[in-house]
Amino acid sequence: MGHRKKHAPKRGSLAFLPKGRAASSVGRIRFWPEIDAETPILLGFAGYKAGLTHVFMVNDKSGSSDFGKEVAHAATVIDVPPIIVCAIRAYIKNPYGLQSFTEAWMKKPPKDLNRALTPPKNHNPEQAFKKMEENLEKIVEFRLLVATQPRLASVPKKKPDVMEIKVAGAQIQEQFEYAKNLLGNTVSATDIFKEGQYVDAIAITKGKGFQGPVKRWGVRLLSHKARKTKRGIATLGPWHPARVQYSIPRAGQMGYHQRTEYNKRILKIGADGSEVTPKGGFLRYGQINGAYILIDGSVPGPTKRLIRLRAPARPPRRVPEEPPKIVSISLESPQG
């Protein structure tokens, strides 16, 4: 039998260098897509990753060799308790980009919010609304400052995660009215997303600490006879330029980086977590008590990590009209 050439490209993209640890465990969204909706809508949501299961569903991707057949897919379950809209932030444009113009805070922020930040005392939202209304022609976008409710999920913490979510669709006047009605109220996943649609998942990946070049970059193991090191790299680069280039695979931090996974399909949004919780609960997570989102495939990060879901930045051209038909969801114990 002839020698088969091994195909082992270097892992990881140099576009992600330097691979430092993420500044926060909450993913930062730097881009919000433009959408043509007749009514205003929020462009994102957030939940906590509970774990992975598998589902049997009917493949509805036309052109696929399995079209119309029952297929098994891995699926991620995300615990999505309602989020609280704590504040509205208005933005204006300056030569350098967006600039925060003013904020309107809810009158009685939840007690747990003090664990994350110090909300303004005796804030008068009506005054802020008046200022926004007078300057509506200057304001280019509204974003809502929302807080998660970890007490309603099975994560072992009380401190809410706070983030911004952009309001899009319709005209700025309607966006303002929409945001005003939401201030101080809770928003559920079903208010924003629907079954069968695609979303982007933004999260911080599993941290793996300090790793050598073989694990971090997938470089080849050296011969044990050739030199003193096996799991290092063979060369640090040429003599000239007389320095180590950034593209040389070196040891360092691996994991705990922010990553965005595009076009994850929502298979199901449910209100009763017992429909998807396996026997004995999810490993290292437990039971899901309330609402959940079932997503096709995997999402970044370990169990309990906050997963931010966003309207798709580059949606696929063909999206099936109907949500997928799920035959069954596996509830078998992951430990047997």
Protein backbone atom coordinates (compact mmCIF):
# COMPACT_ATOMS: atom_id res chain seq x y z
CA MET A 1 0.00 0.00 0.00
CA GLY A 2 1.41 3.39 -0.99
CA HIS A 3 2.16 6.14 1.52
CA ARG A 4 -0.87 8.41 1.94
CA LYS A 5 -0.04 12.08 2.32
CA LYS A 6 -1.22 13.46 5.64
CA HIS A 7 -3.32 16.59 5.41
CA ALA A 8 -2.76 18.56 8.60
CA PRO A 9 -3.10 22.32 8.14
CA LYS A 10 -2.19 24.66 10.96
CA ARG A 11 -5.14 25.18 13.28
CA GLY A 12 -6.63 28.57 14.01
CA SER A 13 -6.60 31.76 12.01
CA LEU A 14 -3.90 34.42 12.30
CA ALA A 15 -6.71 36.98 11.98
CA PHE A 16 -7.55 36.27 15.63
CA LEU A 17 -4.09 37.20 16.96
CA PRO A 18 -3.22 38.21 19.62
CA LYS A 19 -5.16 35.44 21.33
CA GLY A 20 -5.74 37.16 24.65
CA ARG A 21 -8.36 36.40 27.26
CA ALA A 22 -11.71 38.12 26.68
CA ALA A 23 -12.26 41.29 28.73
CA SER A 24 -15.65 40.08 29.98
CA SER A 25 -17.59 36.81 30.08
CA VAL A 26 -20.44 38.66 28.29
CA GLY A 27 -19.87 38.77 24.53
CA ARG A 28 -19.61 42.21 22.97
CA ILE A 29 -21.62 42.79 19.80
CA ARG A 30 -19.87 45.24 17.49
CA PHE A 31 -22.28 44.98 14.57
CA TRP A 32 -26.08 45.11 14.39
CA PRO A 33 -27.65 44.25 11.01
CA GLU A 34 -30.11 46.52 9.21
CA ILE A 35 -33.57 44.98 8.89
CA ASP A 36 -36.63 46.03 6.91
CA ALA A 37 -39.48 45.51 9.35
CA GLU A 38 -42.74 47.44 9.39
CA THR A 39 -42.84 47.40 13.18
CA PRO A 40 -39.93 48.02 15.58
CA ILE A 41 -38.24 44.96 17.06
CA LEU A 42 -35.29 44.11 19.29
CA LEU A 43 -32.35 42.57 17.44
CA GLY A 44 -31.12 40.25 20.17
CA PHE A 45 -31.64 38.20 23.30
CA ALA A 46 -29.51 36.29 25.80
CA GLY A 47 -29.66 33.05 27.74
CA TYR A 48 -27.51 30.54 29.59
CA LYS A 49 -26.13 27.42 27.91
CA ALA A 50 -27.59 24.32 29.60
CA GLY A 51 -26.05 21.60 27.48
CA LEU A 52 -26.25 19.43 24.39
CA THR A 53 -28.83 16.79 23.47
CA HIS A 54 -29.92 15.27 20.17
CA VAL A 55 -33.15 15.45 18.24
CA PHE A 56 -34.76 13.45 15.47
CA MET A 57 -36.24 15.82 12.90
CA VAL A 58 -37.48 15.79 9.34
CA ASN A 59 -34.88 17.32 7.03
CA ASP A 60 -36.59 20.26 5.28
CA LYS A 61 -33.57 21.52 3.34
CA SER A 62 -34.62 21.19 -0.31
CA GLY A 63 -31.89 19.78 -2.52
CA SER A 64 -30.41 17.75 0.32
CA SER A 65 -29.96 14.00 -0.26
CA ASP A 66 -31.92 13.40 2.99
CA PHE A 67 -34.76 15.81 2.11
CA GLY A 68 -38.03 14.68 3.70
CA LYS A 69 -36.31 11.95 5.71
CA GLU A 70 -35.88 11.67 9.45
CA VAL A 71 -32.36 12.68 10.55
CA ALA A 72 -30.58 12.88 13.92
CA HIS A 73 -29.02 16.24 14.78
CA ALA A 74 -27.06 17.48 17.78
CA ALA A 75 -28.92 20.38 19.42
CA THR A 76 -27.99 22.89 22.12
CA VAL A 77 -30.47 23.85 24.82
CA ILE A 78 -30.32 27.46 26.06
CA ASP A 79 -32.12 28.51 29.24
CA VAL A 80 -33.82 31.84 28.42
CA PRO A 81 -35.61 33.49 31.36
CA PRO A 82 -37.19 36.87 30.44
CA ILE A 83 -34.84 39.88 30.41
CA ILE A 84 -35.62 43.19 32.16
CA VAL A 85 -35.38 46.45 30.21
CA CYS A 86 -33.56 48.75 32.67
CA ALA A 87 -32.83 51.78 30.48
CA ILE A 88 -33.13 53.32 27.01
CA ARG A 89 -30.03 54.83 25.48
CA ALA A 90 -30.26 57.26 22.55
CA TYR A 91 -27.35 57.67 20.13
CA ILE A 92 -26.40 60.53 17.81
CA LYS A 93 -23.79 60.53 15.02
CA ASN A 94 -20.52 62.46 15.29
CA PRO A 95 -17.50 62.43 12.91
CA TYR A 96 -16.05 59.46 14.83
CA GLY A 97 -19.18 57.26 14.86
CA LEU A 98 -21.96 56.88 17.41
CA GLN A 99 -22.08 58.96 20.57
CA SER A 100 -24.35 58.36 23.55
CA PHE A 101 -26.78 61.29 23.77
CA THR A 102 -28.96 60.60 26.81
CA GLU A 103 -30.47 57.78 28.87
CA ALA A 104 -33.85 57.10 30.45
CA TRP A 105 -33.78 54.68 33.41
CA MET A 106 -36.67 52.76 34.93
CA LYS A 107 -38.03 54.20 38.20
CA LYS A 108 -37.44 51.15 40.41
CA PRO A 109 -34.56 49.02 39.05
CA PRO A 110 -34.45 45.41 40.36
CA LYS A 111 -32.51 45.00 43.61
CA ASP A 112 -30.05 42.57 42.02
CA LEU A 113 -28.94 45.21 39.50
CA ASN A 114 -26.81 46.78 42.27
CA ARG A 115 -24.61 43.70 42.09
CA ALA A 116 -23.60 44.66 38.51
CA LEU A 117 -23.67 48.49 38.53
CA THR A 118 -24.97 51.51 40.42
CA PRO A 119 -28.18 52.76 38.77
CA PRO A 120 -28.89 56.53 39.01
CA LYS A 121 -30.80 57.58 42.15
CA ASN A 122 -34.17 59.39 41.90
CA HIS A 123 -34.01 59.33 38.11
CA ASN A 124 -36.91 60.98 36.28
CA PRO A 125 -37.53 59.08 33.02
CA GLU A 126 -40.16 61.63 31.87
CA GLN A 127 -37.49 64.34 31.74
CA ALA A 128 -35.21 62.10 29.65
CA PHE A 129 -38.12 61.22 27.32
CA LYS A 130 -38.80 64.93 26.81
CA LYS A 131 -35.15 65.54 25.89
CA MET A 132 -35.23 62.61 23.43
CA GLU A 133 -38.47 63.81 21.85
CA GLU A 134 -37.11 67.34 21.33
CA ASN A 135 -34.00 65.94 19.61
CA LEU A 136 -35.55 63.10 17.60
CA GLU A 137 -34.24 64.48 14.29
CA LYS A 138 -30.66 64.23 15.68
CA ILE A 139 -31.02 60.72 17.18
CA VAL A 140 -29.97 57.94 14.80
CA GLU A 141 -30.66 54.86 16.93
CA PHE A 142 -32.04 53.56 20.21
CA ARG A 143 -30.59 50.72 22.25
CA LEU A 144 -32.07 49.11 25.33
CA LEU A 145 -29.95 48.39 28.37
CA VAL A 146 -31.19 44.99 29.55
CA ALA A 147 -30.38 42.74 32.51
CA THR A 148 -30.73 38.97 32.65
CA GLN A 149 -32.46 37.20 35.57
CA PRO A 150 -30.06 34.42 36.62
CA ARG A 151 -32.25 33.58 39.65
CA LEU A 152 -34.86 32.21 37.22
CA ALA A 153 -32.26 30.04 35.45
CA SER A 154 -30.27 27.18 36.99
CA VAL A 155 -26.96 29.07 37.03
CA PRO A 156 -25.34 29.38 40.47
CA LYS A 157 -25.30 33.17 40.62
CA LYS A 158 -27.48 36.16 41.43
CA LYS A 159 -25.58 38.93 39.65
CA PRO A 160 -27.37 39.84 36.41
CA ASP A 161 -25.49 40.20 33.13
CA VAL A 162 -26.08 43.67 31.65
CA MET A 163 -25.88 44.41 27.91
CA GLU A 164 -27.16 46.64 25.11
CA ILE A 165 -29.60 45.47 22.45
CA LYS A 166 -30.43 47.61 19.42
CA VAL A 167 -33.98 48.51 18.39
CA ALA A 168 -34.53 48.29 14.60
CA GLY A 169 -37.31 48.47 12.02
CA ALA A 170 -39.86 51.18 11.07
CA GLN A 171 -39.06 54.88 11.66
CA ILE A 172 -37.16 56.46 14.56
CA GLN A 173 -40.41 57.88 16.00
CA GLU A 174 -41.97 54.40 16.19
CA GLN A 175 -38.76 52.97 17.65
CA PHE A 176 -38.94 55.61 20.38
CA GLU A 177 -42.56 54.70 21.25
CA TYR A 178 -41.70 50.99 21.22
CA ALA A 179 -38.71 51.50 23.55
CA LYS A 180 -40.79 53.71 25.87
CA ASN A 181 -43.43 50.98 26.26
CA LEU A 182 -40.77 48.38 27.10
CA LEU A 183 -38.93 50.41 29.78
CA GLY A 184 -39.26 48.69 33.14
CA ASN A 185 -40.95 45.62 31.63
CA THR A 186 -39.68 42.14 30.83
CA VAL A 187 -39.16 40.75 27.33
CA SER A 188 -39.41 37.04 26.47
CA ALA A 189 -37.62 35.12 23.73
CA THR A 190 -40.95 34.54 21.94
CA ASP A 191 -41.40 38.33 21.60
CA ILE A 192 -38.24 38.54 19.49
CA PHE A 193 -37.52 35.22 17.76
CA LYS A 194 -39.67 32.61 16.06
CA GLU A 195 -39.12 28.90 15.44
CA GLY A 196 -37.23 28.02 12.28
CA GLN A 197 -35.40 31.34 11.97
CA TYR A 198 -31.63 31.76 11.91
CA VAL A 199 -29.64 33.65 14.54
CA ASP A 200 -25.97 34.39 15.28
CA ALA A 201 -24.58 33.04 18.56
CA ILE A 202 -22.00 35.27 20.28
CA ALA A 203 -20.18 33.92 23.34
CA ILE A 204 -16.85 33.46 25.07
CA THR A 205 -15.32 30.05 24.30
CA LYS A 206 -14.19 27.46 26.85
CA GLY A 207 -10.97 28.57 28.54
CA LYS A 208 -8.06 26.14 28.21
CA GLY A 209 -5.35 28.19 29.92
CA PHE A 210 -1.72 28.35 28.74
CA GLN A 211 -1.05 25.76 26.03
CA GLY A 212 1.96 24.78 23.92
CA PRO A 213 2.19 25.20 20.13
CA VAL A 214 1.08 21.62 19.35
CA LYS A 215 -2.29 21.92 21.08
CA ARG A 216 -2.73 25.63 20.36
CA TRP A 217 -1.76 25.61 16.68
CA GLY A 218 -1.77 21.95 15.65
CA VAL A 219 1.87 21.96 14.51
CA ARG A 220 3.65 18.69 13.88
CA LEU A 221 5.31 16.68 16.64
CA LEU A 222 9.06 16.53 16.09
CA SER A 223 11.07 13.31 15.97
CA HIS A 224 12.22 12.17 19.40
CA LYS A 225 15.69 11.46 17.91
CA ALA A 226 16.30 14.76 16.18
CA ARG A 227 16.53 17.20 19.07
CA LYS A 228 15.80 17.76 22.70
CA THR A 229 12.24 19.00 22.17
CA LYS A 230 9.27 17.14 20.68
CA ARG A 231 6.29 19.42 21.27
CA GLY A 232 7.99 22.68 20.27
CA ILE A 233 8.40 24.11 16.77
CA ALA A 234 11.30 23.33 14.49
CA THR A 235 12.16 26.91 13.57
CA LEU A 236 11.47 30.38 14.88
CA GLY A 237 11.74 31.79 11.35
CA PRO A 238 14.46 33.14 9.02
CA TRP A 239 17.58 35.10 10.00
CA HIS A 240 16.22 38.17 8.29
CA PRO A 241 14.04 39.92 9.32
CA ALA A 242 16.03 39.44 12.53
CA ARG A 243 13.07 39.05 14.84
CA VAL A 244 10.35 36.49 15.57
CA GLN A 245 7.36 37.23 13.33
CA TYR A 246 3.83 37.34 14.68
CA SER A 247 2.82 34.45 12.43
CA ILE A 248 5.13 31.94 14.16
CA PRO A 249 3.06 29.49 16.27
CA ARG A 250 3.99 30.11 19.92
CA ALA A 251 2.72 28.88 23.27
CA GLY A 252 0.19 31.06 25.08
CA GLN A 253 -3.41 31.57 26.11
CA MET A 254 -5.89 29.20 24.47
CA GLY A 255 -9.65 29.55 24.79
CA TYR A 256 -11.73 32.15 26.65
CA HIS A 257 -11.87 34.18 23.42
CA GLN A 258 -14.95 35.86 22.04
CA ARG A 259 -16.35 34.12 18.97
CA THR A 260 -19.41 34.62 16.74
CA GLU A 261 -21.02 31.62 15.07
CA TYR A 262 -23.22 32.63 12.15
CA ASN A 263 -26.59 31.22 11.11
CA LYS A 264 -27.60 28.87 13.88
CA ARG A 265 -31.16 27.67 13.34
CA ILE A 266 -33.76 27.82 16.11
CA LEU A 267 -35.47 24.43 16.12
CA LYS A 268 -37.92 25.13 18.94
CA ILE A 269 -38.84 27.77 21.52
CA GLY A 270 -40.69 26.33 24.50
CA ALA A 271 -42.10 27.53 27.81
CA ASP A 272 -41.67 24.32 29.82
CA GLY A 273 -38.09 23.19 30.36
CA SER A 274 -39.13 19.66 31.36
CA GLU A 275 -39.72 18.94 27.64
CA VAL A 276 -35.96 19.07 27.00
CA THR A 277 -34.31 18.35 30.39
CA PRO A 278 -32.75 14.85 30.31
CA LYS A 279 -33.24 12.35 33.13
CA GLY A 280 -31.22 13.53 36.13
CA GLY A 281 -30.81 17.03 34.63
CA PHE A 282 -28.10 18.46 32.40
CA LEU A 283 -24.56 17.63 33.52
CA ARG A 284 -23.04 20.53 35.50
CA TYR A 285 -26.23 22.54 34.98
CA GLY A 286 -29.34 20.87 36.37
CA GLN A 287 -33.00 21.32 35.45
CA ILE A 288 -34.51 23.95 33.17
CA ASN A 289 -37.54 25.36 34.94
CA GLY A 290 -38.88 27.92 32.48
CA ALA A 291 -38.47 28.97 28.86
CA TYR A 292 -35.81 27.49 26.60
CA ILE A 293 -34.51 27.75 23.04
CA LEU A 294 -33.37 24.64 21.16
CA ILE A 295 -30.64 25.44 18.61
CA ASP A 296 -29.41 23.19 15.82
CA GLY A 297 -25.76 22.25 16.37
CA SER A 298 -23.35 23.65 18.93
CA VAL A 299 -22.65 27.13 20.28
CA PRO A 300 -19.39 28.49 21.79
CA GLY A 301 -18.61 28.26 25.49
CA PRO A 302 -19.03 25.81 28.35
CA THR A 303 -22.18 25.01 30.31
CA LYS A 304 -23.59 28.02 32.28
CA ARG A 305 -21.93 30.53 29.90
CA LEU A 306 -24.06 33.49 28.76
CA ILE A 307 -24.93 33.08 25.06
CA ARG A 308 -26.02 36.19 23.17
CA LEU A 309 -28.31 35.60 20.20
CA ARG A 310 -28.55 38.23 17.47
CA ALA A 311 -30.57 38.69 14.29
CA PRO A 312 -28.43 37.15 11.50
CA ALA A 313 -25.75 39.45 10.04
CA ARG A 314 -25.52 37.42 6.81
CA PRO A 315 -28.59 35.18 6.64
CA PRO A 316 -28.73 32.26 4.21
CA ARG A 317 -30.46 32.92 0.88
CA ARG A 318 -32.95 30.10 1.24
CA VAL A 319 -34.79 29.75 4.53
CA PRO A 320 -37.60 27.15 4.78
CA GLU A 321 -41.02 28.78 5.29
CA GLU A 322 -42.14 26.47 8.09
CA PRO A 323 -40.30 25.63 11.33
CA PRO A 324 -38.67 22.17 11.26
CA LYS A 325 -40.79 19.17 12.25
CA ILE A 326 -39.23 17.61 15.35
CA VAL A 327 -40.07 13.92 15.75
CA SER A 328 -38.49 13.45 19.18
CA ILE A 329 -36.02 15.04 21.60
CA SER A 330 -33.68 12.70 23.45
CA LEU A 331 -34.26 12.78 27.23
CA GLU A 332 -31.92 9.90 28.04
CA SER A 333 -29.52 10.42 30.92
CA PRO A 334 -26.11 11.55 29.62
CA GLN A 335 -24.46 9.32 32.25
CA GLY A 336 -26.49 6.20 31.49
